[in-house]
């Protein structure tokens, strides 16, 4: 999320969501849930064909749907499948809702070949997302985004556990893939510090990923 407009939209979506869930119990839990899964839902929504703004709407509506089911005692049941699949299904339904809103938008282009083609594409996407094979449409994208999201969340958690300098070294060497010489020159550290950061921070990241997997298999 490097674009300034995305950061602003993220903040607005989070504020709006918190306001909508303000009268519900355990606000901290819902905020943590949002912080953990918003990027996953957002990325899948964009890759399904939504605009950035629509994708943020899908994020908010998905989290609200999760909260409502939890409140009614109809939340994720491990006996019926994985949490990952359950969340994916909620997400694809919210994505389909966004495509429906596009169709109903009175500001949409008027009659014409382009408009008709676009309407047909949206209808086809809704049908596919809601059909029996809907999960398969997002399955590969979801799997990739799921793994990437676990790593992202784990990194964010570990960043709070280590010194800023050690995390900076790890990020430069492992994430940015700088060679040792460049890390030493740019950050003013020794070779042993580079390898130490890689080992220590890397181990913590792996531990966090495993924790996340156990929590939300």
N, C-alpha and C. Protein backbone atom coordinates (compact mmCIF):
# COMPACT_ATOMS: atom_id res chain seq x y z
N UNK A 1 0.85 -1.18 0.00
CA UNK A 1 0.00 0.00 0.00
C UNK A 1 0.89 1.24 0.00
N UNK A 2 1.55 1.50 -1.11
CA UNK A 2 2.50 2.59 -1.19
C UNK A 2 1.87 3.88 -1.68
N UNK A 3 0.74 3.80 -2.39
CA UNK A 3 0.11 4.98 -2.95
C UNK A 3 -0.50 5.83 -1.84
N UNK A 4 -0.23 7.15 -1.82
CA UNK A 4 -0.79 8.03 -0.78
C UNK A 4 -2.31 7.95 -0.72
N UNK A 5 -2.97 7.87 -1.89
CA UNK A 5 -4.44 7.81 -1.90
C UNK A 5 -4.96 6.54 -1.27
N UNK A 6 -4.19 5.43 -1.42
CA UNK A 6 -4.60 4.18 -0.79
C UNK A 6 -4.49 4.27 0.72
N UNK A 7 -3.43 4.94 1.21
CA UNK A 7 -3.26 5.11 2.64
C UNK A 7 -4.40 5.93 3.22
N UNK A 8 -4.81 6.98 2.49
CA UNK A 8 -5.91 7.82 2.95
C UNK A 8 -7.22 7.03 2.97
N UNK A 9 -7.44 6.23 1.91
CA UNK A 9 -8.66 5.44 1.84
C UNK A 9 -8.68 4.38 2.93
N UNK A 10 -7.51 3.78 3.21
CA UNK A 10 -7.40 2.80 4.29
C UNK A 10 -7.83 3.42 5.61
N UNK A 11 -7.34 4.63 5.90
CA UNK A 11 -7.67 5.30 7.16
C UNK A 11 -9.16 5.63 7.23
N UNK A 12 -9.73 6.09 6.11
CA UNK A 12 -11.16 6.42 6.09
C UNK A 12 -12.01 5.17 6.30
N UNK A 13 -11.62 4.08 5.61
CA UNK A 13 -12.37 2.83 5.73
C UNK A 13 -12.33 2.32 7.16
N UNK A 14 -11.14 2.39 7.77
CA UNK A 14 -10.99 1.91 9.15
C UNK A 14 -11.83 2.74 10.10
N UNK A 15 -11.81 4.07 9.96
CA UNK A 15 -12.62 4.94 10.83
C UNK A 15 -14.11 4.64 10.67
N UNK A 16 -14.54 4.50 9.42
CA UNK A 16 -15.95 4.22 9.15
C UNK A 16 -16.37 2.89 9.73
N UNK A 17 -15.50 1.90 9.58
CA UNK A 17 -15.82 0.56 10.10
C UNK A 17 -15.92 0.58 11.62
N UNK A 18 -14.99 1.25 12.28
CA UNK A 18 -15.00 1.34 13.74
C UNK A 18 -16.28 2.02 14.22
N UNK A 19 -16.71 3.05 13.50
CA UNK A 19 -17.94 3.74 13.87
C UNK A 19 -19.14 2.81 13.75
N UNK A 20 -19.17 2.00 12.71
CA UNK A 20 -20.30 1.10 12.49
C UNK A 20 -20.33 -0.03 13.51
N UNK A 21 -19.17 -0.38 14.04
CA UNK A 21 -19.10 -1.47 15.02
C UNK A 21 -18.95 -0.93 16.45
N UNK A 22 -19.16 0.36 16.62
CA UNK A 22 -18.86 1.02 17.89
C UNK A 22 -19.68 0.47 19.05
N UNK A 23 -20.89 0.01 18.79
CA UNK A 23 -21.75 -0.45 19.87
C UNK A 23 -21.64 -1.96 20.08
N UNK A 24 -20.66 -2.59 19.45
CA UNK A 24 -20.48 -4.03 19.58
C UNK A 24 -19.37 -4.30 20.60
N UNK A 25 -19.40 -5.50 21.16
CA UNK A 25 -18.42 -5.85 22.17
C UNK A 25 -17.03 -6.06 21.56
N UNK A 26 -16.04 -5.86 22.40
CA UNK A 26 -14.65 -6.18 22.06
C UNK A 26 -14.18 -5.48 20.79
N UNK A 27 -14.19 -4.15 20.84
CA UNK A 27 -13.73 -3.35 19.69
C UNK A 27 -12.31 -3.70 19.27
N UNK A 28 -11.47 -3.97 20.28
CA UNK A 28 -10.06 -4.25 19.98
C UNK A 28 -9.92 -5.48 19.08
N UNK A 29 -10.77 -6.48 19.33
CA UNK A 29 -10.70 -7.70 18.52
C UNK A 29 -11.04 -7.41 17.07
N UNK A 30 -12.09 -6.61 16.86
CA UNK A 30 -12.48 -6.31 15.48
C UNK A 30 -11.46 -5.44 14.78
N UNK A 31 -10.84 -4.54 15.51
CA UNK A 31 -9.80 -3.71 14.91
C UNK A 31 -8.61 -4.58 14.52
N UNK A 32 -8.27 -5.54 15.39
CA UNK A 32 -7.15 -6.44 15.09
C UNK A 32 -7.49 -7.32 13.88
N UNK A 33 -8.75 -7.76 13.81
CA UNK A 33 -9.18 -8.57 12.66
C UNK A 33 -9.02 -7.76 11.38
N UNK A 34 -9.45 -6.51 11.42
CA UNK A 34 -9.34 -5.65 10.24
C UNK A 34 -7.89 -5.45 9.84
N UNK A 35 -7.05 -5.16 10.84
CA UNK A 35 -5.64 -4.94 10.56
C UNK A 35 -4.99 -6.18 9.96
N UNK A 36 -5.47 -7.36 10.37
CA UNK A 36 -4.88 -8.61 9.91
C UNK A 36 -5.33 -8.99 8.50
N UNK A 37 -6.60 -8.73 8.15
CA UNK A 37 -7.14 -9.29 6.92
C UNK A 37 -7.56 -8.29 5.85
N UNK A 38 -7.47 -6.98 6.15
CA UNK A 38 -7.97 -6.03 5.15
C UNK A 38 -7.20 -6.15 3.83
N UNK A 39 -5.87 -6.30 3.92
CA UNK A 39 -5.07 -6.33 2.70
C UNK A 39 -5.40 -7.56 1.84
N UNK A 40 -5.64 -8.67 2.48
CA UNK A 40 -6.01 -9.90 1.77
C UNK A 40 -7.30 -9.68 0.98
N UNK A 41 -8.32 -9.16 1.66
CA UNK A 41 -9.62 -8.93 1.02
C UNK A 41 -9.50 -7.88 -0.08
N UNK A 42 -8.75 -6.84 0.21
CA UNK A 42 -8.56 -5.75 -0.75
C UNK A 42 -7.87 -6.26 -2.02
N UNK A 43 -6.79 -6.99 -1.88
CA UNK A 43 -6.03 -7.48 -3.03
C UNK A 43 -6.86 -8.41 -3.89
N UNK A 44 -7.60 -9.32 -3.24
CA UNK A 44 -8.45 -10.24 -3.99
C UNK A 44 -9.54 -9.48 -4.74
N UNK A 45 -10.07 -8.44 -4.12
CA UNK A 45 -11.13 -7.64 -4.74
C UNK A 45 -10.63 -6.90 -5.97
N UNK A 46 -9.44 -6.31 -5.87
CA UNK A 46 -8.86 -5.60 -7.01
C UNK A 46 -8.59 -6.56 -8.15
N UNK A 47 -8.05 -7.74 -7.83
CA UNK A 47 -7.72 -8.71 -8.87
C UNK A 47 -8.97 -9.34 -9.48
N UNK A 48 -10.10 -9.23 -8.77
CA UNK A 48 -11.37 -9.71 -9.33
C UNK A 48 -11.98 -8.69 -10.30
N UNK A 49 -11.42 -7.47 -10.33
CA UNK A 49 -11.89 -6.47 -11.29
C UNK A 49 -12.49 -5.22 -10.69
N UNK A 50 -12.47 -5.08 -9.36
CA UNK A 50 -13.02 -3.88 -8.75
C UNK A 50 -11.99 -2.75 -8.77
N UNK A 51 -12.49 -1.52 -8.72
CA UNK A 51 -11.60 -0.38 -8.58
C UNK A 51 -11.08 -0.34 -7.15
N UNK A 52 -10.09 0.50 -6.89
CA UNK A 52 -9.55 0.60 -5.53
C UNK A 52 -10.62 1.02 -4.53
N UNK A 53 -11.41 2.01 -4.91
CA UNK A 53 -12.46 2.49 -4.00
C UNK A 53 -13.49 1.39 -3.75
N UNK A 54 -13.90 0.69 -4.79
CA UNK A 54 -14.86 -0.40 -4.64
C UNK A 54 -14.27 -1.53 -3.79
N UNK A 55 -12.96 -1.76 -3.95
CA UNK A 55 -12.30 -2.82 -3.18
C UNK A 55 -12.31 -2.48 -1.69
N UNK A 56 -12.10 -1.20 -1.36
CA UNK A 56 -12.17 -0.81 0.05
C UNK A 56 -13.58 -0.97 0.59
N UNK A 57 -14.59 -0.70 -0.25
CA UNK A 57 -15.98 -0.94 0.16
C UNK A 57 -16.20 -2.43 0.42
N UNK A 58 -15.63 -3.26 -0.43
CA UNK A 58 -15.77 -4.71 -0.25
C UNK A 58 -15.09 -5.16 1.04
N UNK A 59 -13.96 -4.54 1.38
CA UNK A 59 -13.27 -4.85 2.64
C UNK A 59 -14.19 -4.56 3.82
N UNK A 60 -14.76 -3.35 3.82
CA UNK A 60 -15.61 -2.95 4.93
C UNK A 60 -16.83 -3.85 5.06
N UNK A 61 -17.48 -4.12 3.94
CA UNK A 61 -18.69 -4.94 3.97
C UNK A 61 -18.38 -6.38 4.37
N UNK A 62 -17.22 -6.88 3.99
CA UNK A 62 -16.85 -8.24 4.37
C UNK A 62 -16.64 -8.34 5.88
N UNK A 63 -15.91 -7.37 6.45
CA UNK A 63 -15.66 -7.39 7.89
C UNK A 63 -16.97 -7.24 8.66
N UNK A 64 -17.86 -6.40 8.17
CA UNK A 64 -19.16 -6.24 8.82
C UNK A 64 -19.96 -7.54 8.75
N UNK A 65 -19.88 -8.23 7.60
CA UNK A 65 -20.58 -9.52 7.45
C UNK A 65 -20.03 -10.54 8.43
N UNK A 66 -18.72 -10.56 8.61
CA UNK A 66 -18.10 -11.47 9.58
C UNK A 66 -18.61 -11.14 10.98
N UNK A 67 -18.63 -9.86 11.34
CA UNK A 67 -19.06 -9.43 12.67
C UNK A 67 -20.53 -9.81 12.92
N UNK A 68 -21.36 -9.61 11.90
CA UNK A 68 -22.79 -9.94 12.06
C UNK A 68 -22.99 -11.42 12.28
N UNK A 69 -22.28 -12.24 11.53
CA UNK A 69 -22.40 -13.69 11.70
C UNK A 69 -21.90 -14.10 13.08
N UNK A 70 -20.82 -13.48 13.51
CA UNK A 70 -20.28 -13.79 14.83
C UNK A 70 -21.30 -13.44 15.91
N UNK A 71 -21.94 -12.29 15.74
CA UNK A 71 -22.91 -11.83 16.75
C UNK A 71 -24.13 -12.74 16.81
N UNK A 72 -24.52 -13.30 15.68
CA UNK A 72 -25.68 -14.18 15.62
C UNK A 72 -25.34 -15.63 15.97
N UNK A 73 -24.06 -15.88 16.26
CA UNK A 73 -23.66 -17.24 16.56
C UNK A 73 -23.58 -18.10 15.31
N UNK A 74 -23.41 -17.47 14.15
CA UNK A 74 -23.34 -18.20 12.88
C UNK A 74 -21.95 -18.06 12.25
N UNK A 75 -20.95 -17.87 13.09
CA UNK A 75 -19.61 -17.64 12.59
C UNK A 75 -18.97 -18.92 12.09
N UNK A 76 -17.74 -18.80 11.71
CA UNK A 76 -16.96 -19.90 11.16
C UNK A 76 -17.03 -21.14 12.05
N UNK A 77 -17.34 -22.28 11.43
CA UNK A 77 -17.41 -23.57 12.12
C UNK A 77 -16.30 -24.47 11.57
N UNK A 78 -15.28 -24.79 12.38
CA UNK A 78 -14.16 -25.62 11.91
C UNK A 78 -14.60 -26.96 11.35
N UNK A 79 -15.75 -27.46 11.83
CA UNK A 79 -16.23 -28.76 11.37
C UNK A 79 -16.69 -28.72 9.91
N UNK A 80 -16.95 -27.51 9.41
CA UNK A 80 -17.48 -27.37 8.05
C UNK A 80 -16.42 -26.97 7.03
N UNK A 81 -15.19 -26.77 7.48
CA UNK A 81 -14.14 -26.38 6.54
C UNK A 81 -13.16 -25.41 7.17
N UNK A 82 -12.23 -24.92 6.37
CA UNK A 82 -11.19 -24.04 6.88
C UNK A 82 -11.69 -22.60 6.99
N UNK A 83 -11.08 -21.85 7.90
CA UNK A 83 -11.38 -20.43 8.04
C UNK A 83 -11.04 -19.69 6.75
N UNK A 84 -9.96 -20.10 6.12
CA UNK A 84 -9.50 -19.46 4.89
C UNK A 84 -10.58 -19.52 3.81
N UNK A 85 -11.22 -20.68 3.66
CA UNK A 85 -12.27 -20.85 2.65
C UNK A 85 -13.53 -20.09 3.05
N UNK A 86 -13.84 -20.11 4.33
CA UNK A 86 -15.02 -19.41 4.83
C UNK A 86 -14.91 -17.90 4.55
N UNK A 87 -13.75 -17.34 4.84
CA UNK A 87 -13.53 -15.92 4.61
C UNK A 87 -13.52 -15.61 3.11
N UNK A 88 -12.98 -16.52 2.32
CA UNK A 88 -12.97 -16.32 0.87
C UNK A 88 -14.39 -16.25 0.33
N UNK A 89 -15.28 -17.12 0.81
CA UNK A 89 -16.66 -17.11 0.34
C UNK A 89 -17.37 -15.81 0.71
N UNK A 90 -17.17 -15.34 1.94
CA UNK A 90 -17.77 -14.07 2.33
C UNK A 90 -17.25 -12.94 1.44
N UNK A 91 -15.98 -12.99 1.12
CA UNK A 91 -15.37 -11.95 0.29
C UNK A 91 -15.94 -11.96 -1.12
N UNK A 92 -16.06 -13.13 -1.73
CA UNK A 92 -16.55 -13.17 -3.11
C UNK A 92 -18.00 -12.71 -3.21
N UNK A 93 -18.80 -12.95 -2.16
CA UNK A 93 -20.18 -12.45 -2.17
C UNK A 93 -20.21 -10.93 -2.10
N UNK A 94 -19.30 -10.36 -1.31
CA UNK A 94 -19.24 -8.90 -1.22
C UNK A 94 -18.70 -8.29 -2.52
N UNK A 95 -17.79 -9.00 -3.18
CA UNK A 95 -17.30 -8.53 -4.48
C UNK A 95 -18.45 -8.52 -5.48
N UNK A 96 -19.25 -9.59 -5.47
CA UNK A 96 -20.41 -9.65 -6.36
C UNK A 96 -21.37 -8.51 -6.07
N UNK A 97 -21.54 -8.16 -4.80
CA UNK A 97 -22.40 -7.03 -4.44
C UNK A 97 -21.90 -5.73 -5.08
N UNK A 98 -20.58 -5.56 -5.09
CA UNK A 98 -20.01 -4.35 -5.69
C UNK A 98 -20.28 -4.29 -7.20
N UNK A 99 -20.21 -5.43 -7.86
CA UNK A 99 -20.53 -5.46 -9.29
C UNK A 99 -22.00 -5.13 -9.52
N UNK A 100 -22.88 -5.58 -8.62
CA UNK A 100 -24.30 -5.26 -8.73
C UNK A 100 -24.52 -3.75 -8.60
N UNK A 101 -23.83 -3.16 -7.64
CA UNK A 101 -23.97 -1.72 -7.44
C UNK A 101 -23.53 -0.95 -8.68
N UNK A 102 -22.51 -1.46 -9.36
CA UNK A 102 -22.09 -0.84 -10.62
C UNK A 102 -23.22 -0.85 -11.64
N UNK A 103 -23.93 -1.98 -11.70
CA UNK A 103 -25.03 -2.11 -12.66
C UNK A 103 -26.16 -1.14 -12.34
N UNK A 104 -26.38 -0.90 -11.05
CA UNK A 104 -27.50 -0.05 -10.63
C UNK A 104 -27.12 1.43 -10.60
N UNK A 105 -25.84 1.74 -10.79
CA UNK A 105 -25.36 3.11 -10.70
C UNK A 105 -25.98 3.98 -11.80
N UNK A 106 -26.80 4.97 -11.40
CA UNK A 106 -27.44 5.82 -12.41
C UNK A 106 -26.46 6.68 -13.20
N UNK A 107 -25.26 6.84 -12.70
CA UNK A 107 -24.25 7.65 -13.39
C UNK A 107 -23.47 6.83 -14.40
N UNK A 108 -23.80 5.56 -14.54
CA UNK A 108 -23.09 4.70 -15.48
C UNK A 108 -23.34 5.17 -16.91
N UNK A 109 -22.48 4.82 -17.88
CA UNK A 109 -22.66 5.25 -19.26
C UNK A 109 -24.02 4.83 -19.81
N UNK A 110 -24.54 5.65 -20.68
CA UNK A 110 -25.83 5.36 -21.28
C UNK A 110 -25.74 4.24 -22.29
N UNK A 111 -26.85 3.97 -23.01
CA UNK A 111 -26.88 2.89 -23.99
C UNK A 111 -25.79 3.05 -25.04
N UNK A 112 -25.29 1.98 -25.48
CA UNK A 112 -24.23 1.99 -26.48
C UNK A 112 -23.47 0.70 -26.43
N UNK A 113 -22.65 0.47 -27.44
CA UNK A 113 -21.93 -0.80 -27.51
C UNK A 113 -21.03 -0.97 -26.31
N UNK A 114 -20.32 0.11 -25.94
CA UNK A 114 -19.39 0.01 -24.82
C UNK A 114 -20.12 -0.29 -23.54
N UNK A 115 -21.23 0.41 -23.29
CA UNK A 115 -22.00 0.20 -22.07
C UNK A 115 -22.56 -1.21 -22.03
N UNK A 116 -23.09 -1.68 -23.17
CA UNK A 116 -23.66 -3.03 -23.22
C UNK A 116 -22.60 -4.08 -22.94
N UNK A 117 -21.43 -3.89 -23.53
CA UNK A 117 -20.34 -4.84 -23.29
C UNK A 117 -19.95 -4.86 -21.83
N UNK A 118 -19.92 -3.67 -21.23
CA UNK A 118 -19.52 -3.57 -19.83
C UNK A 118 -20.57 -4.22 -18.93
N UNK A 119 -21.86 -3.97 -19.24
CA UNK A 119 -22.94 -4.58 -18.47
C UNK A 119 -22.88 -6.10 -18.57
N UNK A 120 -22.60 -6.57 -19.77
CA UNK A 120 -22.52 -8.03 -19.97
C UNK A 120 -21.37 -8.62 -19.17
N UNK A 121 -20.26 -7.88 -19.14
CA UNK A 121 -19.10 -8.36 -18.38
C UNK A 121 -19.43 -8.43 -16.89
N UNK A 122 -20.10 -7.39 -16.38
CA UNK A 122 -20.45 -7.37 -14.96
C UNK A 122 -21.41 -8.49 -14.61
N UNK A 123 -22.42 -8.69 -15.47
CA UNK A 123 -23.38 -9.76 -15.23
C UNK A 123 -22.70 -11.12 -15.22
N UNK A 124 -21.81 -11.30 -16.17
CA UNK A 124 -21.08 -12.57 -16.25
C UNK A 124 -20.24 -12.78 -15.01
N UNK A 125 -19.60 -11.70 -14.53
CA UNK A 125 -18.77 -11.82 -13.33
C UNK A 125 -19.61 -12.16 -12.11
N UNK A 126 -20.77 -11.52 -11.96
CA UNK A 126 -21.66 -11.81 -10.84
C UNK A 126 -22.09 -13.27 -10.87
N UNK A 127 -22.52 -13.73 -12.06
CA UNK A 127 -22.96 -15.11 -12.20
C UNK A 127 -21.85 -16.09 -11.83
N UNK A 128 -20.64 -15.78 -12.27
CA UNK A 128 -19.50 -16.67 -11.98
C UNK A 128 -19.17 -16.65 -10.49
N UNK A 129 -19.19 -15.46 -9.89
CA UNK A 129 -18.84 -15.36 -8.47
C UNK A 129 -19.86 -16.06 -7.58
N UNK A 130 -21.13 -16.02 -7.99
CA UNK A 130 -22.18 -16.60 -7.16
C UNK A 130 -22.50 -18.04 -7.53
N UNK A 131 -21.95 -18.52 -8.63
CA UNK A 131 -22.23 -19.87 -9.07
C UNK A 131 -21.51 -20.92 -8.24
N UNK A 132 -21.78 -22.17 -8.55
CA UNK A 132 -21.19 -23.28 -7.81
C UNK A 132 -19.67 -23.29 -7.92
N UNK A 133 -19.18 -22.77 -9.03
CA UNK A 133 -17.73 -22.76 -9.23
C UNK A 133 -17.10 -21.44 -8.79
N UNK A 134 -17.87 -20.63 -8.04
CA UNK A 134 -17.38 -19.32 -7.64
C UNK A 134 -16.10 -19.38 -6.84
N UNK A 135 -16.01 -20.34 -5.94
CA UNK A 135 -14.81 -20.45 -5.11
C UNK A 135 -13.57 -20.73 -5.95
N UNK A 136 -13.77 -21.46 -7.04
CA UNK A 136 -12.63 -21.81 -7.89
C UNK A 136 -12.06 -20.57 -8.60
N UNK A 137 -12.94 -19.61 -8.89
CA UNK A 137 -12.51 -18.41 -9.59
C UNK A 137 -11.46 -17.65 -8.78
N UNK A 138 -11.71 -17.55 -7.48
CA UNK A 138 -10.80 -16.81 -6.63
C UNK A 138 -9.78 -17.71 -5.93
N UNK A 139 -9.93 -19.01 -6.08
CA UNK A 139 -9.13 -19.93 -5.29
C UNK A 139 -7.64 -19.72 -5.42
N UNK A 140 -7.14 -19.65 -6.66
CA UNK A 140 -5.70 -19.49 -6.86
C UNK A 140 -5.21 -18.12 -6.41
N UNK A 141 -6.00 -17.09 -6.75
CA UNK A 141 -5.64 -15.74 -6.32
C UNK A 141 -5.65 -15.67 -4.79
N UNK A 142 -6.69 -16.23 -4.19
CA UNK A 142 -6.84 -16.19 -2.74
C UNK A 142 -5.68 -16.90 -2.04
N UNK A 143 -5.29 -18.06 -2.58
CA UNK A 143 -4.19 -18.82 -1.97
C UNK A 143 -2.90 -18.00 -1.98
N UNK A 144 -2.60 -17.37 -3.10
CA UNK A 144 -1.39 -16.55 -3.19
C UNK A 144 -1.46 -15.34 -2.27
N UNK A 145 -2.62 -14.68 -2.27
CA UNK A 145 -2.78 -13.50 -1.42
C UNK A 145 -2.78 -13.89 0.06
N UNK A 146 -3.31 -15.06 0.37
CA UNK A 146 -3.35 -15.54 1.75
C UNK A 146 -1.92 -15.69 2.29
N UNK A 147 -1.07 -16.33 1.49
CA UNK A 147 0.31 -16.53 1.92
C UNK A 147 1.04 -15.18 2.07
N UNK A 148 0.82 -14.31 1.09
CA UNK A 148 1.46 -13.00 1.13
C UNK A 148 0.98 -12.20 2.34
N UNK A 149 -0.30 -12.33 2.66
CA UNK A 149 -0.86 -11.59 3.78
C UNK A 149 -0.31 -12.10 5.11
N UNK A 150 -0.16 -13.42 5.24
CA UNK A 150 0.41 -13.97 6.47
C UNK A 150 1.81 -13.41 6.70
N UNK A 151 2.60 -13.36 5.63
CA UNK A 151 3.97 -12.85 5.74
C UNK A 151 3.94 -11.37 6.11
N UNK A 152 3.03 -10.61 5.50
CA UNK A 152 2.93 -9.16 5.76
C UNK A 152 2.57 -8.90 7.22
N UNK A 153 1.57 -9.63 7.71
CA UNK A 153 1.13 -9.45 9.10
C UNK A 153 2.22 -9.88 10.07
N UNK A 154 2.87 -11.00 9.76
CA UNK A 154 3.95 -11.48 10.62
C UNK A 154 5.08 -10.46 10.70
N UNK A 155 5.43 -9.88 9.56
CA UNK A 155 6.48 -8.86 9.52
C UNK A 155 6.09 -7.65 10.37
N UNK A 156 4.84 -7.23 10.27
CA UNK A 156 4.38 -6.07 11.04
C UNK A 156 4.45 -6.34 12.54
N UNK A 157 4.13 -7.56 12.92
CA UNK A 157 4.19 -7.91 14.35
C UNK A 157 5.63 -7.97 14.85
N UNK A 158 6.48 -8.57 14.05
CA UNK A 158 7.89 -8.71 14.44
C UNK A 158 8.56 -7.35 14.52
N UNK A 159 8.16 -6.44 13.66
CA UNK A 159 8.75 -5.10 13.66
C UNK A 159 8.63 -4.44 15.02
N UNK A 160 7.58 -4.80 15.76
CA UNK A 160 7.35 -4.22 17.09
C UNK A 160 8.19 -4.92 18.16
N UNK A 161 8.77 -6.07 17.81
CA UNK A 161 9.49 -6.86 18.80
C UNK A 161 11.00 -6.65 18.78
N UNK A 162 11.52 -6.11 17.69
CA UNK A 162 12.97 -5.94 17.56
C UNK A 162 13.31 -4.45 17.45
N UNK A 163 14.58 -4.15 17.54
CA UNK A 163 15.00 -2.75 17.44
C UNK A 163 14.81 -2.24 16.02
N UNK A 164 14.56 -0.94 15.86
CA UNK A 164 14.38 -0.37 14.51
C UNK A 164 15.57 -0.67 13.60
N UNK A 165 16.77 -0.59 14.16
CA UNK A 165 17.97 -0.83 13.35
C UNK A 165 18.03 -2.26 12.85
N UNK A 166 17.72 -3.21 13.74
CA UNK A 166 17.79 -4.61 13.35
C UNK A 166 16.74 -4.93 12.28
N UNK A 167 15.57 -4.35 12.43
CA UNK A 167 14.53 -4.58 11.43
C UNK A 167 14.92 -3.94 10.10
N UNK A 168 15.53 -2.76 10.16
CA UNK A 168 15.97 -2.07 8.94
C UNK A 168 16.99 -2.91 8.18
N UNK A 169 17.91 -3.53 8.92
CA UNK A 169 18.92 -4.38 8.29
C UNK A 169 18.25 -5.59 7.63
N UNK A 170 17.34 -6.23 8.37
CA UNK A 170 16.64 -7.40 7.84
C UNK A 170 15.84 -7.03 6.59
N UNK A 171 15.14 -5.91 6.65
CA UNK A 171 14.30 -5.49 5.52
C UNK A 171 15.15 -5.22 4.28
N UNK A 172 16.30 -4.58 4.49
CA UNK A 172 17.17 -4.27 3.36
C UNK A 172 17.77 -5.53 2.76
N UNK A 173 18.21 -6.44 3.61
CA UNK A 173 18.91 -7.63 3.13
C UNK A 173 17.97 -8.71 2.61
N UNK A 174 16.86 -8.94 3.31
CA UNK A 174 15.96 -10.04 2.95
C UNK A 174 14.83 -9.59 2.03
N UNK A 175 14.17 -8.49 2.39
CA UNK A 175 13.01 -8.04 1.61
C UNK A 175 13.44 -7.31 0.34
N UNK A 176 14.33 -6.34 0.47
CA UNK A 176 14.80 -5.58 -0.69
C UNK A 176 15.86 -6.35 -1.49
N UNK A 177 16.42 -7.37 -0.86
CA UNK A 177 17.42 -8.24 -1.50
C UNK A 177 18.69 -7.49 -1.88
N UNK A 178 19.10 -6.57 -1.02
CA UNK A 178 20.40 -5.93 -1.22
C UNK A 178 21.49 -6.94 -0.88
N UNK A 179 22.62 -6.83 -1.53
CA UNK A 179 23.72 -7.71 -1.15
C UNK A 179 24.37 -7.16 0.14
N UNK A 180 25.19 -8.00 0.77
CA UNK A 180 25.78 -7.64 2.06
C UNK A 180 26.58 -6.34 1.97
N UNK A 181 27.33 -6.19 0.90
CA UNK A 181 28.17 -5.00 0.75
C UNK A 181 27.32 -3.73 0.73
N UNK A 182 26.20 -3.76 0.03
CA UNK A 182 25.35 -2.58 -0.05
C UNK A 182 24.71 -2.28 1.30
N UNK A 183 24.27 -3.32 2.01
CA UNK A 183 23.67 -3.12 3.33
C UNK A 183 24.69 -2.47 4.27
N UNK A 184 25.91 -2.99 4.24
CA UNK A 184 26.96 -2.45 5.10
C UNK A 184 27.23 -0.98 4.78
N UNK A 185 27.31 -0.68 3.49
CA UNK A 185 27.62 0.69 3.07
C UNK A 185 26.49 1.65 3.36
N UNK A 186 25.27 1.25 3.01
CA UNK A 186 24.12 2.15 3.16
C UNK A 186 23.71 2.35 4.62
N UNK A 187 23.81 1.29 5.43
CA UNK A 187 23.32 1.37 6.80
C UNK A 187 24.43 1.51 7.83
N UNK A 188 25.69 1.41 7.38
CA UNK A 188 26.80 1.58 8.30
C UNK A 188 26.89 0.50 9.34
N UNK A 189 26.72 -0.76 8.93
CA UNK A 189 26.77 -1.89 9.86
C UNK A 189 27.82 -2.89 9.40
N UNK A 190 28.11 -3.84 10.26
CA UNK A 190 29.10 -4.86 9.93
C UNK A 190 28.44 -6.07 9.29
N UNK A 191 29.26 -6.92 8.70
CA UNK A 191 28.74 -8.14 8.08
C UNK A 191 28.08 -9.03 9.12
N UNK A 192 28.67 -9.13 10.29
CA UNK A 192 28.09 -9.97 11.33
C UNK A 192 26.72 -9.46 11.77
N UNK A 193 26.52 -8.13 11.78
CA UNK A 193 25.22 -7.56 12.14
C UNK A 193 24.17 -7.92 11.09
N UNK A 194 24.58 -7.95 9.84
CA UNK A 194 23.65 -8.31 8.75
C UNK A 194 23.17 -9.74 8.94
N UNK A 195 24.11 -10.66 9.16
CA UNK A 195 23.75 -12.07 9.31
C UNK A 195 22.97 -12.32 10.60
N UNK A 196 23.30 -11.59 11.64
CA UNK A 196 22.59 -11.73 12.90
C UNK A 196 21.14 -11.28 12.74
N UNK A 197 20.94 -10.16 12.07
CA UNK A 197 19.58 -9.66 11.85
C UNK A 197 18.78 -10.63 11.00
N UNK A 198 19.41 -11.15 9.96
CA UNK A 198 18.72 -12.11 9.10
C UNK A 198 18.27 -13.32 9.90
N UNK A 199 19.16 -13.83 10.75
CA UNK A 199 18.83 -15.03 11.52
C UNK A 199 17.77 -14.76 12.57
N UNK A 200 17.97 -13.71 13.36
CA UNK A 200 17.06 -13.44 14.47
C UNK A 200 15.68 -13.00 14.00
N UNK A 201 15.65 -11.99 13.14
CA UNK A 201 14.35 -11.48 12.67
C UNK A 201 13.66 -12.52 11.80
N UNK A 202 14.42 -13.22 10.97
CA UNK A 202 13.84 -14.25 10.12
C UNK A 202 13.18 -15.34 10.94
N UNK A 203 13.82 -15.75 12.04
CA UNK A 203 13.25 -16.79 12.91
C UNK A 203 11.96 -16.31 13.55
N UNK A 204 11.93 -15.05 13.97
CA UNK A 204 10.73 -14.48 14.58
C UNK A 204 9.57 -14.41 13.57
N UNK A 205 9.90 -14.04 12.34
CA UNK A 205 8.87 -13.97 11.30
C UNK A 205 8.27 -15.36 11.05
N UNK A 206 9.12 -16.36 10.96
CA UNK A 206 8.64 -17.73 10.75
C UNK A 206 7.73 -18.17 11.90
N UNK A 207 8.13 -17.83 13.13
CA UNK A 207 7.31 -18.18 14.29
C UNK A 207 5.94 -17.52 14.22
N UNK A 208 5.93 -16.25 13.83
CA UNK A 208 4.66 -15.52 13.74
C UNK A 208 3.76 -16.10 12.66
N UNK A 209 4.36 -16.48 11.53
CA UNK A 209 3.58 -17.09 10.45
C UNK A 209 2.95 -18.38 10.92
N UNK A 210 3.70 -19.19 11.66
CA UNK A 210 3.16 -20.45 12.18
C UNK A 210 2.04 -20.19 13.18
N UNK A 211 2.18 -19.15 14.00
CA UNK A 211 1.12 -18.80 14.94
C UNK A 211 -0.16 -18.42 14.20
N UNK A 212 0.00 -17.62 13.16
CA UNK A 212 -1.15 -17.20 12.37
C UNK A 212 -1.82 -18.40 11.70
N UNK A 213 -1.02 -19.33 11.21
CA UNK A 213 -1.57 -20.51 10.58
C UNK A 213 -2.38 -21.34 11.57
N UNK A 214 -1.88 -21.44 12.80
CA UNK A 214 -2.58 -22.21 13.82
C UNK A 214 -3.88 -21.52 14.24
N UNK A 215 -3.82 -20.20 14.31
CA UNK A 215 -5.00 -19.43 14.72
C UNK A 215 -6.10 -19.47 13.67
N UNK A 216 -5.70 -19.38 12.40
CA UNK A 216 -6.67 -19.28 11.31
C UNK A 216 -6.30 -20.24 10.20
N UNK A 217 -6.45 -21.52 10.47
CA UNK A 217 -6.08 -22.55 9.49
C UNK A 217 -7.01 -22.54 8.31
